[in-house]
Protein backbone atom coordinates (compact mmCIF):
# COMPACT_ATOMS: atom_id res chain seq x y z
CA MET A 1 106.77 70.17 57.61
CA LYS A 2 109.00 71.36 55.20
CA THR A 3 110.03 74.76 55.71
CA THR A 4 110.39 76.69 52.41
CA SER A 5 112.98 79.69 51.53
CA PRO A 6 111.87 83.25 51.51
CA THR A 7 113.56 83.58 48.33
CA PRO A 8 111.52 83.99 44.98
CA LYS A 9 112.28 81.21 42.85
CA SER A 10 111.82 83.24 40.14
CA ALA A 11 114.56 85.74 41.15
CA LEU A 12 117.33 83.45 42.88
CA LEU A 13 118.41 81.06 40.00
CA SER A 14 121.30 78.49 39.23
CA LEU A 15 124.68 79.49 37.50
CA LYS A 16 123.29 77.26 34.20
CA ARG A 17 119.94 78.20 34.82
CA LEU A 18 120.97 81.99 34.72
CA ALA A 19 123.43 81.90 31.92
CA ARG A 20 120.61 80.39 29.69
CA LEU A 21 118.10 83.30 30.73
CA VAL A 22 121.21 85.55 29.95
CA ARG A 23 121.60 84.38 26.44
CA GLY A 24 118.42 85.20 25.62
CA LEU A 25 117.80 88.71 27.06
CA GLN A 26 121.03 89.57 25.30
CA LYS A 27 119.71 88.01 21.80
CA GLU A 28 116.51 90.13 22.43
CA GLY A 29 119.24 93.42 22.74
CA ARG A 30 118.79 93.88 26.69
CA ARG A 31 121.91 95.68 28.53
CA ILE A 32 123.03 92.91 31.08
CA ALA A 33 124.69 94.51 34.86
CA PHE A 34 126.32 92.20 37.17
CA THR A 35 128.10 92.80 40.83
CA ASN A 36 128.80 90.99 43.26
CA GLY A 37 129.19 90.91 47.25
CA CYS A 38 128.21 89.43 50.51
CA PHE A 39 125.36 91.84 51.55
CA ASP A 40 125.73 90.39 54.67
CA LEU A 41 123.57 93.55 56.97
CA LEU A 42 121.95 94.91 54.26
CA HIS A 43 122.26 98.97 54.26
CA ALA A 44 121.24 102.20 52.74
CA GLY A 45 124.47 101.86 50.86
CA HIS A 46 123.68 98.48 49.43
CA VAL A 47 120.67 99.70 47.96
CA ASP A 48 121.76 103.02 46.83
CA TYR A 49 124.96 101.37 44.98
CA LEU A 50 122.31 98.60 43.25
CA GLN A 51 119.73 101.51 42.08
CA ARG A 52 122.70 103.25 40.44
CA ILE A 53 123.59 100.37 38.55
CA LYS A 54 120.18 99.56 37.76
CA ARG A 55 120.12 102.96 35.91
CA ARG A 56 122.67 101.84 33.80
CA ALA A 57 121.77 98.72 32.57
CA ASP A 58 118.10 96.63 31.80
CA VAL A 59 118.55 93.95 33.62
CA LEU A 60 120.95 93.83 36.94
CA ILE A 61 122.19 90.69 37.92
CA VAL A 62 124.13 89.74 41.75
CA ALA A 63 126.11 87.13 42.75
CA VAL A 64 125.77 86.83 46.93
CA ASN A 65 129.09 85.15 48.18
CA SER A 66 128.22 81.50 50.26
CA ASP A 67 128.71 81.53 53.68
CA ALA A 68 131.89 79.75 53.34
CA SER A 69 133.15 82.22 50.62
CA VAL A 70 132.09 85.35 53.24
CA ARG A 71 134.39 83.26 55.86
CA ARG A 72 137.08 83.42 53.88
CA LEU A 73 136.77 86.88 52.91
CA LYS A 74 135.81 88.45 56.09
CA GLY A 75 137.09 85.89 58.81
CA PRO A 76 135.03 84.06 61.82
CA GLY A 77 131.90 85.25 63.24
CA ARG A 78 130.95 86.59 59.53
CA PRO A 79 128.29 86.17 57.75
CA VAL A 80 126.02 87.41 60.39
CA VAL A 81 122.91 85.87 58.09
CA PRO A 82 122.64 83.41 55.99
CA ALA A 83 123.63 82.81 52.44
CA ARG A 84 120.03 82.17 51.50
CA GLU A 85 118.39 84.47 53.53
CA ARG A 86 121.15 87.31 52.32
CA ALA A 87 120.20 86.19 48.85
CA ALA A 88 116.12 86.73 49.71
CA LEU A 89 116.79 90.39 50.85
CA VAL A 90 119.22 91.27 47.48
CA ALA A 91 116.23 89.84 45.71
CA ALA A 92 113.40 91.86 47.17
CA LEU A 93 114.93 95.13 46.23
CA LYS A 94 113.23 96.57 43.85
CA PRO A 95 116.60 97.18 40.95
CA VAL A 96 117.48 93.67 41.29
CA ASP A 97 115.82 91.14 38.57
CA TYR A 98 118.32 87.77 39.51
CA VAL A 99 120.24 86.07 42.04
CA THR A 100 122.85 84.00 42.54
CA ILE A 101 124.93 82.40 45.28
CA PHE A 102 128.74 81.45 44.72
CA SER A 103 131.22 79.56 47.34
CA GLU A 104 134.05 80.13 45.15
CA SER A 105 136.67 83.39 46.35
CA THR A 106 136.23 84.94 43.71
CA PRO A 107 133.16 85.50 41.22
CA LEU A 108 135.08 84.74 37.96
CA GLY A 109 133.22 81.57 37.35
CA VAL A 110 129.68 83.07 37.87
CA ILE A 111 131.28 86.11 35.25
CA ARG A 112 132.26 83.52 32.72
CA ALA A 113 129.22 81.75 32.89
CA VAL A 114 126.93 85.15 32.27
CA ARG A 115 129.30 87.35 30.23
CA PRO A 116 127.25 90.43 31.23
CA ASP A 117 127.27 94.00 29.04
CA LEU A 118 128.56 95.71 32.20
CA LEU A 119 130.74 94.79 35.03
CA VAL A 120 130.18 97.04 38.34
CA LYS A 121 132.20 97.25 41.34
CA GLY A 122 132.70 99.98 44.04
CA ALA A 123 135.57 102.31 43.60
CA ASP A 124 137.62 100.92 46.22
CA TRP A 125 139.02 99.22 43.51
CA LYS A 126 141.80 99.56 41.11
CA ALA A 127 140.60 98.56 37.27
CA GLY A 128 143.16 96.10 36.91
CA GLU A 129 142.17 94.64 39.79
CA VAL A 130 138.53 94.03 39.51
CA VAL A 131 137.91 90.01 38.38
CA GLY A 132 136.10 88.99 35.47
CA ARG A 133 137.33 92.56 33.53
CA GLU A 134 139.55 90.18 31.19
CA VAL A 135 136.49 88.07 30.24
CA VAL A 136 133.57 91.00 30.06
CA GLU A 137 135.76 93.40 28.00
CA ARG A 138 136.71 90.50 25.53
CA CYS A 139 132.95 89.93 24.84
CA GLY A 140 133.07 93.82 24.53
CA GLY A 141 131.39 94.71 27.64
CA LYS A 142 132.91 97.67 30.11
CA VAL A 143 133.94 97.55 33.73
CA LEU A 144 132.37 100.04 35.99
CA LEU A 145 134.05 101.47 39.19
CA MET A 146 131.48 103.21 41.22
CA PRO A 147 131.86 105.41 44.49
CA TYR A 148 129.92 103.69 47.20
CA LEU A 149 127.66 105.87 49.69
CA LYS A 150 130.19 107.45 52.20
CA GLY A 151 129.65 106.11 55.37
CA HIS A 152 128.11 103.22 54.63
CA SER A 153 129.19 99.44 55.06
CA THR A 154 128.82 96.49 56.97
CA THR A 155 131.54 96.46 59.19
CA ARG A 156 131.26 99.83 60.27
CA LEU A 157 127.68 98.40 60.83
CA ILE A 158 128.21 95.77 62.86
CA GLN A 159 131.10 97.85 64.94
CA ARG A 160 128.40 100.46 65.79
CA ILE A 161 126.05 97.30 66.86
CA GLN A 162 128.76 96.32 68.90
CA GLN A 163 129.45 99.88 70.94
CA ALA A 164 125.59 100.43 71.29
CA ARG A 165 125.60 96.84 73.12
CA ARG A 166 128.70 97.96 75.62
CA ARG A 167 126.97 101.19 76.71
CA PRO A 168 125.28 100.92 80.04
CA ALA A 169 121.50 101.08 79.52
């Protein structure tokens, strides 16, 4: 029996299909926001971040790092959750319209293909370091650095789980 992915087909798109869709949406005058990340162990900080981005755009696109990409960024033992499941969880969130998975170390290829009106990264980045900034600004878009919800991170969540497991019952 063939298992199917839990990700809604309408939300998880190939990069080629996503780029075509975005062109049509932009022709209709829709404002496209883009962000990316690992989204490993989804938490309240992720939800808050995505909700705040969506308030600034008509359409929110999220690029999720592939498993190999997460391992390069975060090290062995990560991700905890496989890419297609992480993409399904992100796609199920109300503010998110479309999701794509990318395997490169940075989302530059996705940003070049999508050319969003708004590129959003966490405020822990410096504006000059945001991958894709030049592409977005050259196309007339803007880059927004948005603060994260304090005290929420996947790394911190993993540490709390590990500490809880070490405590005697």
